[in-house]
Amino acid sequence: MTAGPVPVYFAGPIGVCDLCQRPLAGEAGFGDVEVPGTGGAWGLLCLPCCAGAAWGWGFGQRYERQDGCGWVLVEGGPPA
């Protein structure tokens, strides 16, 4: 039997969406992506503000809440 990949968790603090100011703590997920209109600055965005985001290493990472464990990376992880 082979174990699956080791989960990756978001370790930093979360606050509000850097675009619409929605509190992220109550959301099911968020993206760590380039903030539109900033010329390359990255931030944490709620999923509605991530519409059209490219998920991938160097593009954006999507995290979802995992009860009791925090925020787990579900898209955009490092290359295998």
PDB file of N, CA and C in Angstrom:
ATOM      1  N   MET A   1       0.836  -1.169   0.000  1.00  0.00           N
ATOM      2  CA  MET A   1       0.000   0.000   0.000  1.00  0.00           C
ATOM      3  C   MET A   1       0.887   1.240   0.000  1.00  0.00           C
ATOM      4  N   THR A   2       0.554   2.204  -0.865  1.00  0.00           N
ATOM      5  CA  THR A   2       1.323   3.438  -0.964  1.00  0.00           C
ATOM      6  C   THR A   2       0.526   4.581  -0.359  1.00  0.00           C
ATOM      7  N   ALA A   3       1.169   5.354   0.459  1.00  0.00           N
ATOM      8  CA  ALA A   3       0.512   6.515   1.065  1.00  0.00           C
ATOM      9  C   ALA A   3       0.345   7.604   0.021  1.00  0.00           C
ATOM     10  N   GLY A   4      -0.693   8.397   0.179  1.00  0.00           N
ATOM     11  CA  GLY A   4      -0.932   9.519  -0.731  1.00  0.00           C
ATOM     12  C   GLY A   4       0.036  10.650  -0.431  1.00  0.00           C
ATOM     13  N   PRO A   5      -0.075  11.730  -1.182  1.00  0.00           N
ATOM     14  CA  PRO A   5       0.820  12.867  -0.952  1.00  0.00           C
ATOM     15  C   PRO A   5       0.567  13.497   0.414  1.00  0.00           C
ATOM     16  N   VAL A   6       1.603  14.054   0.964  1.00  0.00           N
ATOM     17  CA  VAL A   6       1.503  14.725   2.262  1.00  0.00           C
ATOM     18  C   VAL A   6       0.773  16.049   2.050  1.00  0.00           C
ATOM     19  N   PRO A   7      -0.287  16.316   2.829  1.00  0.00           N
ATOM     20  CA  PRO A   7      -1.013  17.567   2.647  1.00  0.00           C
ATOM     21  C   PRO A   7      -0.155  18.784   2.979  1.00  0.00           C
ATOM     22  N   VAL A   8      -0.421  19.880   2.286  1.00  0.00           N
ATOM     23  CA  VAL A   8       0.257  21.156   2.531  1.00  0.00           C
ATOM     24  C   VAL A   8      -0.776  22.104   3.123  1.00  0.00           C
ATOM     25  N   TYR A   9      -0.418  22.757   4.217  1.00  0.00           N
ATOM     26  CA  TYR A   9      -1.333  23.657   4.914  1.00  0.00           C
ATOM     27  C   TYR A   9      -0.835  25.089   4.850  1.00  0.00           C
ATOM     28  N   PHE A  10      -1.777  26.035   4.826  1.00  0.00           N
ATOM     29  CA  PHE A  10      -1.436  27.453   4.884  1.00  0.00           C
ATOM     30  C   PHE A  10      -1.041  27.768   6.321  1.00  0.00           C
ATOM     31  N   ALA A  11       0.133  28.355   6.515  1.00  0.00           N
ATOM     32  CA  ALA A  11       0.653  28.563   7.859  1.00  0.00           C
ATOM     33  C   ALA A  11       0.509  29.995   8.356  1.00  0.00           C
ATOM     34  N   GLY A  12       0.264  30.924   7.467  1.00  0.00           N
ATOM     35  CA  GLY A  12       0.204  32.319   7.876  1.00  0.00           C
ATOM     36  C   GLY A  12      -1.150  32.725   8.415  1.00  0.00           C
ATOM     37  N   PRO A  13      -1.224  33.920   8.960  1.00  0.00           N
ATOM     38  CA  PRO A  13      -2.519  34.430   9.435  1.00  0.00           C
ATOM     39  C   PRO A  13      -3.405  34.812   8.250  1.00  0.00           C
ATOM     40  N   ILE A  14      -4.707  34.664   8.426  1.00  0.00           N
ATOM     41  CA  ILE A  14      -5.639  35.151   7.416  1.00  0.00           C
ATOM     42  C   ILE A  14      -6.479  36.237   8.061  1.00  0.00           C
ATOM     43  N   GLY A  15      -6.899  37.186   7.272  1.00  0.00           N
ATOM     44  CA  GLY A  15      -7.726  38.278   7.792  1.00  0.00           C
ATOM     45  C   GLY A  15      -8.927  38.460   6.893  1.00  0.00           C
ATOM     46  N   VAL A  16      -8.823  39.448   6.015  1.00  0.00           N
ATOM     47  CA  VAL A  16      -9.916  39.742   5.096  1.00  0.00           C
ATOM     48  C   VAL A  16      -9.404  39.619   3.666  1.00  0.00           C
ATOM     49  N   CYS A  17     -10.338  39.471   2.739  1.00  0.00           N
ATOM     50  CA  CYS A  17      -9.983  39.452   1.319  1.00  0.00           C
ATOM     51  C   CYS A  17      -9.317  40.783   0.973  1.00  0.00           C
ATOM     52  N   ASP A  18      -8.180  40.713   0.304  1.00  0.00           N
ATOM     53  CA  ASP A  18      -7.448  41.927  -0.042  1.00  0.00           C
ATOM     54  C   ASP A  18      -8.116  42.725  -1.162  1.00  0.00           C
ATOM     55  N   LEU A  19      -9.201  42.208  -1.728  1.00  0.00           N
ATOM     56  CA  LEU A  19      -9.907  42.929  -2.783  1.00  0.00           C
ATOM     57  C   LEU A  19     -11.238  43.500  -2.280  1.00  0.00           C
ATOM     58  N   CYS A  20     -12.084  42.661  -1.653  1.00  0.00           N
ATOM     59  CA  CYS A  20     -13.419  43.122  -1.248  1.00  0.00           C
ATOM     60  C   CYS A  20     -13.570  43.294   0.269  1.00  0.00           C
ATOM     61  N   GLN A  21     -12.565  42.926   1.035  1.00  0.00           N
ATOM     62  CA  GLN A  21     -12.545  43.058   2.499  1.00  0.00           C
ATOM     63  C   GLN A  21     -13.467  42.080   3.232  1.00  0.00           C
ATOM     64  N   ARG A  22     -13.932  41.012   2.556  1.00  0.00           N
ATOM     65  CA  ARG A  22     -14.763  39.987   3.203  1.00  0.00           C
ATOM     66  C   ARG A  22     -13.889  39.202   4.184  1.00  0.00           C
ATOM     67  N   PRO A  23     -14.361  38.964   5.428  1.00  0.00           N
ATOM     68  CA  PRO A  23     -13.580  38.160   6.375  1.00  0.00           C
ATOM     69  C   PRO A  23     -13.379  36.733   5.829  1.00  0.00           C
ATOM     70  N   LEU A  24     -12.147  36.283   5.781  1.00  0.00           N
ATOM     71  CA  LEU A  24     -11.850  34.956   5.226  1.00  0.00           C
ATOM     72  C   LEU A  24     -12.119  33.829   6.219  1.00  0.00           C
ATOM     73  N   ALA A  25     -12.127  34.123   7.502  1.00  0.00           N
ATOM     74  CA  ALA A  25     -12.316  33.072   8.507  1.00  0.00           C
ATOM     75  C   ALA A  25     -13.648  32.351   8.338  1.00  0.00           C
ATOM     76  N   GLY A  26     -14.663  33.028   7.822  1.00  0.00           N
ATOM     77  CA  GLY A  26     -15.968  32.409   7.644  1.00  0.00           C
ATOM     78  C   GLY A  26     -16.166  31.753   6.294  1.00  0.00           C
ATOM     79  N   GLU A  27     -15.165  31.781   5.457  1.00  0.00           N
ATOM     80  CA  GLU A  27     -15.268  31.233   4.096  1.00  0.00           C
ATOM     81  C   GLU A  27     -14.875  29.756   4.066  1.00  0.00           C
ATOM     82  N   ALA A  28     -15.326  29.066   3.028  1.00  0.00           N
ATOM     83  CA  ALA A  28     -14.963  27.658   2.836  1.00  0.00           C
ATOM     84  C   ALA A  28     -13.571  27.525   2.234  1.00  0.00           C
ATOM     85  N   GLY A  29     -13.081  28.591   1.615  1.00  0.00           N
ATOM     86  CA  GLY A  29     -11.768  28.555   0.992  1.00  0.00           C
ATOM     87  C   GLY A  29     -11.314  29.948   0.602  1.00  0.00           C
ATOM     88  N   PHE A  30     -10.080  30.036   0.123  1.00  0.00           N
ATOM     89  CA  PHE A  30      -9.532  31.306  -0.355  1.00  0.00           C
ATOM     90  C   PHE A  30      -8.387  31.018  -1.306  1.00  0.00           C
ATOM     91  N   GLY A  31      -7.961  32.033  -2.028  1.00  0.00           N
ATOM     92  CA  GLY A  31      -6.823  31.902  -2.925  1.00  0.00           C
ATOM     93  C   GLY A  31      -5.679  32.802  -2.491  1.00  0.00           C
ATOM     94  N   ASP A  32      -4.480  32.331  -2.670  1.00  0.00           N
ATOM     95  CA  ASP A  32      -3.260  33.114  -2.479  1.00  0.00           C
ATOM     96  C   ASP A  32      -2.776  33.416  -3.890  1.00  0.00           C
ATOM     97  N   VAL A  33      -3.165  34.592  -4.409  1.00  0.00           N
ATOM     98  CA  VAL A  33      -3.002  34.897  -5.834  1.00  0.00           C
ATOM     99  C   VAL A  33      -2.548  36.335  -6.043  1.00  0.00           C
ATOM    100  N   GLU A  34      -2.200  36.637  -7.295  1.00  0.00           N
ATOM    101  CA  GLU A  34      -1.906  38.015  -7.678  1.00  0.00           C
ATOM    102  C   GLU A  34      -3.204  38.822  -7.612  1.00  0.00           C
ATOM    103  N   VAL A  35      -3.161  39.956  -6.943  1.00  0.00           N
ATOM    104  CA  VAL A  35      -4.340  40.807  -6.796  1.00  0.00           C
ATOM    105  C   VAL A  35      -4.515  41.625  -8.073  1.00  0.00           C
ATOM    106  N   PRO A  36      -5.678  41.510  -8.729  1.00  0.00           N
ATOM    107  CA  PRO A  36      -5.897  42.252  -9.972  1.00  0.00           C
ATOM    108  C   PRO A  36      -5.696  43.755  -9.787  1.00  0.00           C
ATOM    109  N   GLY A  37      -5.053  44.365 -10.767  1.00  0.00           N
ATOM    110  CA  GLY A  37      -4.867  45.807 -10.772  1.00  0.00           C
ATOM    111  C   GLY A  37      -3.753  46.332  -9.898  1.00  0.00           C
ATOM    112  N   THR A  38      -2.895  45.450  -9.375  1.00  0.00           N
ATOM    113  CA  THR A  38      -1.827  45.910  -8.477  1.00  0.00           C
ATOM    114  C   THR A  38      -0.445  45.858  -9.124  1.00  0.00           C
ATOM    115  N   GLY A  39      -0.378  45.386 -10.341  1.00  0.00           N
ATOM    116  CA  GLY A  39       0.924  45.315 -10.997  1.00  0.00           C
ATOM    117  C   GLY A  39       1.821  44.219 -10.475  1.00  0.00           C
ATOM    118  N   GLY A  40       1.247  43.170  -9.898  1.00  0.00           N
ATOM    119  CA  GLY A  40       2.049  42.029  -9.477  1.00  0.00           C
ATOM    120  C   GLY A  40       2.030  41.728  -7.996  1.00  0.00           C
ATOM    121  N   ALA A  41       1.351  42.535  -7.184  1.00  0.00           N
ATOM    122  CA  ALA A  41       1.280  42.242  -5.748  1.00  0.00           C
ATOM    123  C   ALA A  41       0.381  41.031  -5.511  1.00  0.00           C
ATOM    124  N   TRP A  42       0.784  40.189  -4.562  1.00  0.00           N
ATOM    125  CA  TRP A  42      -0.003  39.010  -4.213  1.00  0.00           C
ATOM    126  C   TRP A  42      -0.758  39.277  -2.925  1.00  0.00           C
ATOM    127  N   GLY A  43      -1.861  38.548  -2.750  1.00  0.00           N
ATOM    128  CA  GLY A  43      -2.637  38.677  -1.534  1.00  0.00           C
ATOM    129  C   GLY A  43      -3.565  37.495  -1.369  1.00  0.00           C
ATOM    130  N   LEU A  44      -4.364  37.549  -0.324  1.00  0.00           N
ATOM    131  CA  LEU A  44      -5.351  36.510  -0.052  1.00  0.00           C
ATOM    132  C   LEU A  44      -6.703  37.035  -0.505  1.00  0.00           C
ATOM    133  N   LEU A  45      -7.380  36.262  -1.357  1.00  0.00           N
ATOM    134  CA  LEU A  45      -8.670  36.665  -1.895  1.00  0.00           C
ATOM    135  C   LEU A  45      -9.712  35.602  -1.592  1.00  0.00           C
ATOM    136  N   CYS A  46     -10.957  36.046  -1.318  1.00  0.00           N
ATOM    137  CA  CYS A  46     -12.062  35.099  -1.181  1.00  0.00           C
ATOM    138  C   CYS A  46     -12.285  34.438  -2.541  1.00  0.00           C
ATOM    139  N   LEU A  47     -12.925  33.291  -2.547  1.00  0.00           N
ATOM    140  CA  LEU A  47     -13.106  32.563  -3.802  1.00  0.00           C
ATOM    141  C   LEU A  47     -13.911  33.337  -4.841  1.00  0.00           C
ATOM    142  N   PRO A  48     -14.968  34.104  -4.466  1.00  0.00           N
ATOM    143  CA  PRO A  48     -15.648  34.889  -5.493  1.00  0.00           C
ATOM    144  C   PRO A  48     -14.716  35.895  -6.179  1.00  0.00           C
ATOM    145  N   CYS A  49     -13.787  36.484  -5.447  1.00  0.00           N
ATOM    146  CA  CYS A  49     -12.844  37.443  -6.045  1.00  0.00           C
ATOM    147  C   CYS A  49     -11.744  36.742  -6.852  1.00  0.00           C
ATOM    148  N   CYS A  50     -11.639  35.419  -6.710  1.00  0.00           N
ATOM    149  CA  CYS A  50     -10.647  34.640  -7.458  1.00  0.00           C
ATOM    150  C   CYS A  50     -11.196  34.147  -8.794  1.00  0.00           C
ATOM    151  N   ALA A  51     -12.428  34.518  -9.136  1.00  0.00           N
ATOM    152  CA  ALA A  51     -13.024  34.032 -10.388  1.00  0.00           C
ATOM    153  C   ALA A  51     -12.070  34.313 -11.545  1.00  0.00           C
ATOM    154  N   GLY A  52     -11.772  33.291 -12.300  1.00  0.00           N
ATOM    155  CA  GLY A  52     -10.870  33.413 -13.440  1.00  0.00           C
ATOM    156  C   GLY A  52      -9.395  33.292 -13.098  1.00  0.00           C
ATOM    157  N   ALA A  53      -9.078  33.048 -11.839  1.00  0.00           N
ATOM    158  CA  ALA A  53      -7.666  32.909 -11.446  1.00  0.00           C
ATOM    159  C   ALA A  53      -7.070  31.642 -12.046  1.00  0.00           C
ATOM    160  N   ALA A  54      -5.784  31.714 -12.356  1.00  0.00           N
ATOM    161  CA  ALA A  54      -5.050  30.537 -12.835  1.00  0.00           C
ATOM    162  C   ALA A  54      -4.423  29.864 -11.625  1.00  0.00           C
ATOM    163  N   TRP A  55      -4.796  28.609 -11.382  1.00  0.00           N
ATOM    164  CA  TRP A  55      -4.238  27.867 -10.256  1.00  0.00           C
ATOM    165  C   TRP A  55      -3.040  27.079 -10.745  1.00  0.00           C
ATOM    166  N   GLY A  56      -1.915  27.269 -10.115  1.00  0.00           N
ATOM    167  CA  GLY A  56      -0.703  26.544 -10.463  1.00  0.00           C
ATOM    168  C   GLY A  56       0.494  27.160  -9.770  1.00  0.00           C
ATOM    169  N   TRP A  57       1.568  26.395  -9.691  1.00  0.00           N
ATOM    170  CA  TRP A  57       2.785  26.858  -9.035  1.00  0.00           C
ATOM    171  C   TRP A  57       3.274  28.106  -9.756  1.00  0.00           C
ATOM    172  N   GLY A  58       3.403  29.202  -9.035  1.00  0.00           N
ATOM    173  CA  GLY A  58       3.809  30.469  -9.630  1.00  0.00           C
ATOM    174  C   GLY A  58       2.648  31.303 -10.133  1.00  0.00           C
ATOM    175  N   PHE A  59       1.438  30.756 -10.087  1.00  0.00           N
ATOM    176  CA  PHE A  59       0.252  31.486 -10.552  1.00  0.00           C
ATOM    177  C   PHE A  59      -0.710  31.765  -9.404  1.00  0.00           C
ATOM    178  N   GLY A  60      -1.041  30.765  -8.628  1.00  0.00           N
ATOM    179  CA  GLY A  60      -1.975  30.932  -7.524  1.00  0.00           C
ATOM    180  C   GLY A  60      -2.236  29.610  -6.842  1.00  0.00           C
ATOM    181  N   GLN A  61      -2.498  29.685  -5.561  1.00  0.00           N
ATOM    182  CA  GLN A  61      -2.793  28.490  -4.777  1.00  0.00           C
ATOM    183  C   GLN A  61      -4.185  28.650  -4.163  1.00  0.00           C
ATOM    184  N   ARG A  62      -4.975  27.574  -4.209  1.00  0.00           N
ATOM    185  CA  ARG A  62      -6.318  27.589  -3.637  1.00  0.00           C
ATOM    186  C   ARG A  62      -6.327  26.681  -2.412  1.00  0.00           C
ATOM    187  N   TYR A  63      -6.847  27.203  -1.319  1.00  0.00           N
ATOM    188  CA  TYR A  63      -6.927  26.484  -0.053  1.00  0.00           C
ATOM    189  C   TYR A  63      -8.383  26.304   0.343  1.00  0.00           C
ATOM    190  N   GLU A  64      -8.678  25.197   0.999  1.00  0.00           N
ATOM    191  CA  GLU A  64     -10.015  24.942   1.537  1.00  0.00           C
ATOM    192  C   GLU A  64      -9.895  24.603   3.011  1.00  0.00           C
ATOM    193  N   ARG A  65     -10.956  24.970   3.745  1.00  0.00           N
ATOM    194  CA  ARG A  65     -10.989  24.683   5.180  1.00  0.00           C
ATOM    195  C   ARG A  65     -11.101  23.174   5.386  1.00  0.00           C
ATOM    196  N   GLN A  66     -10.281  22.642   6.257  1.00  0.00           N
ATOM    197  CA  GLN A  66     -10.362  21.240   6.649  1.00  0.00           C
ATOM    198  C   GLN A  66     -10.583  21.237   8.153  1.00  0.00           C
ATOM    199  N   ASP A  67     -11.778  20.853   8.565  1.00  0.00           N
ATOM    200  CA  ASP A  67     -12.158  20.923   9.980  1.00  0.00           C
ATOM    201  C   ASP A  67     -11.095  20.329  10.891  1.00  0.00           C
ATOM    202  N   GLY A  68     -10.730  21.099  11.883  1.00  0.00           N
ATOM    203  CA  GLY A  68      -9.770  20.649  12.880  1.00  0.00           C
ATOM    204  C   GLY A  68      -8.318  20.732  12.450  1.00  0.00           C
ATOM    205  N   CYS A  69      -8.059  21.051  11.167  1.00  0.00           N
ATOM    206  CA  CYS A  69      -6.678  21.054  10.682  1.00  0.00           C
ATOM    207  C   CYS A  69      -6.242  22.373  10.060  1.00  0.00           C
ATOM    208  N   GLY A  70      -7.158  23.265   9.811  1.00  0.00           N
ATOM    209  CA  GLY A  70      -6.793  24.535   9.186  1.00  0.00           C
ATOM    210  C   GLY A  70      -7.111  24.549   7.698  1.00  0.00           C
ATOM    211  N   TRP A  71      -6.250  25.180   6.937  1.00  0.00           N
ATOM    212  CA  TRP A  71      -6.456  25.403   5.506  1.00  0.00           C
ATOM    213  C   TRP A  71      -5.509  24.520   4.701  1.00  0.00           C
ATOM    214  N   VAL A  72      -6.068  23.613   3.910  1.00  0.00           N
ATOM    215  CA  VAL A  72      -5.260  22.666   3.135  1.00  0.00           C
ATOM    216  C   VAL A  72      -5.220  23.111   1.676  1.00  0.00           C
ATOM    217  N   LEU A  73      -4.048  22.980   1.067  1.00  0.00           N
ATOM    218  CA  LEU A  73      -3.850  23.310  -0.337  1.00  0.00           C
ATOM    219  C   LEU A  73      -4.568  22.282  -1.201  1.00  0.00           C
ATOM    220  N   VAL A  74      -5.442  22.754  -2.096  1.00  0.00           N
ATOM    221  CA  VAL A  74      -6.192  21.834  -2.963  1.00  0.00           C
ATOM    222  C   VAL A  74      -5.884  22.029  -4.449  1.00  0.00           C
ATOM    223  N   GLU A  75      -5.328  23.184  -4.805  1.00  0.00           N
ATOM    224  CA  GLU A  75      -4.921  23.427  -6.198  1.00  0.00           C
ATOM    225  C   GLU A  75      -3.748  24.363  -6.214  1.00  0.00           C
ATOM    226  N   GLY A  76      -2.846  24.146  -7.176  1.00  0.00           N
ATOM    227  CA  GLY A  76      -1.728  25.052  -7.371  1.00  0.00           C
ATOM    228  C   GLY A  76      -0.475  24.707  -6.597  1.00  0.00           C
ATOM    229  N   GLY A  77      -0.364  23.470  -6.169  1.00  0.00           N
ATOM    230  CA  GLY A  77       0.802  23.053  -5.397  1.00  0.00           C
ATOM    231  C   GLY A  77       2.071  22.944  -6.228  1.00  0.00           C
ATOM    232  N   PRO A  78       3.172  22.635  -5.567  1.00  0.00           N
ATOM    233  CA  PRO A  78       4.449  22.510  -6.265  1.00  0.00           C
ATOM    234  C   PRO A  78       4.423  21.347  -7.259  1.00  0.00           C
ATOM    235  N   PRO A  79       5.228  21.467  -8.316  1.00  0.00           N
ATOM    236  CA  PRO A  79       5.302  20.374  -9.286  1.00  0.00           C
ATOM    237  C   PRO A  79       5.735  19.059  -8.626  1.00  0.00           C
ATOM    238  N   ALA A  80       5.208  17.981  -9.117  1.00  0.00           N
ATOM    239  CA  ALA A  80       5.532  16.655  -8.553  1.00  0.00           C
ATOM    240  C   ALA A  80       6.942  16.243  -8.898  1.00  0.00           C
TER     241      ALA A  80
END
